[in-house]
Amino acid sequence: MIHEYTVETLYHFTCGKCRGWWSYATIPTVIYDADLHLTSNIDIFCPHCGANERAKIKKGFKGV
């Protein structure tokens, strides 16, 4: 028997308009890719208020 696993990246967002928060999980296309930044030219949709805006990494976050 052998165990199998998958890898996912979990992003946590806070809306700049309503301050609601949510998470988004994605499966990386390459496992050795350690760049965790989102593409800067896409809008992120807030599921709480509908704001559709760009996202940036939180000031002071040391995880990257």
Protein backbone atom coordinates (compact mmCIF):
# COMPACT_ATOMS: atom_id res chain seq x y z
CA MET A 1 0.00 0.00 0.00
CA ILE A 2 1.12 3.57 -0.65
CA HIS A 3 -0.45 6.84 0.45
CA GLU A 4 -1.35 9.45 -2.14
CA TYR A 5 -1.64 13.20 -1.66
CA THR A 6 -2.44 16.41 -3.44
CA VAL A 7 -1.27 19.99 -2.89
CA GLU A 8 -3.38 23.14 -2.76
CA THR A 9 -2.74 26.78 -2.01
CA LEU A 10 -5.25 28.55 0.21
CA TYR A 11 -5.64 32.33 -0.16
CA HIS A 12 -7.52 34.43 2.42
CA PHE A 13 -9.11 37.70 1.28
CA THR A 14 -10.58 40.71 3.08
CA CYS A 15 -12.82 42.95 0.96
CA GLY A 16 -11.62 46.53 0.67
CA LYS A 17 -15.23 47.74 0.50
CA CYS A 18 -17.33 45.74 3.01
CA ARG A 19 -14.45 44.19 5.03
CA GLY A 20 -16.02 40.73 4.68
CA TRP A 21 -13.55 37.85 4.41
CA TRP A 22 -13.40 34.58 2.48
CA SER A 23 -10.92 31.97 1.32
CA TYR A 24 -10.06 30.60 -2.11
CA ALA A 25 -8.24 27.32 -2.70
CA THR A 26 -6.35 26.53 -5.88
CA ILE A 27 -4.16 23.68 -7.07
CA PRO A 28 -0.72 24.88 -8.25
CA THR A 29 0.23 23.94 -11.80
CA VAL A 30 3.79 23.13 -10.74
CA ILE A 31 4.54 21.79 -7.26
CA TYR A 32 8.05 23.26 -7.07
CA ASP A 33 6.68 26.74 -7.89
CA ALA A 34 7.02 28.68 -4.62
CA ASP A 35 5.72 32.00 -6.01
CA LEU A 36 2.50 32.49 -4.05
CA HIS A 37 1.56 35.90 -5.45
CA LEU A 38 -1.63 36.15 -7.44
CA THR A 39 -1.56 37.47 -10.98
CA SER A 40 -1.79 41.25 -10.60
CA ASN A 41 -3.95 41.87 -13.66
CA ILE A 42 -7.08 39.97 -12.56
CA ASP A 43 -10.02 41.19 -10.51
CA ILE A 44 -11.18 39.27 -7.44
CA PHE A 45 -14.94 39.10 -6.78
CA CYS A 46 -16.20 39.61 -3.20
CA PRO A 47 -18.93 37.05 -2.50
CA HIS A 48 -20.43 39.31 0.20
CA CYS A 49 -20.98 42.66 -1.53
CA GLY A 50 -20.06 41.99 -5.16
CA ALA A 51 -17.07 44.35 -5.35
CA ASN A 52 -14.82 43.27 -8.22
CA GLU A 53 -11.34 44.66 -7.59
CA ARG A 54 -7.63 43.89 -7.77
CA ALA A 55 -5.99 42.30 -4.74
CA LYS A 56 -2.64 42.91 -3.09
CA ILE A 57 -0.85 41.04 -0.35
CA LYS A 58 -1.57 42.42 3.13
CA LYS A 59 0.93 44.89 4.55
CA GLY A 60 3.19 43.17 7.07
CA PHE A 61 2.40 39.60 5.92
CA LYS A 62 5.57 37.54 6.31
CA GLY A 63 4.40 34.25 4.81
CA VAL A 64 5.90 34.91 1.38
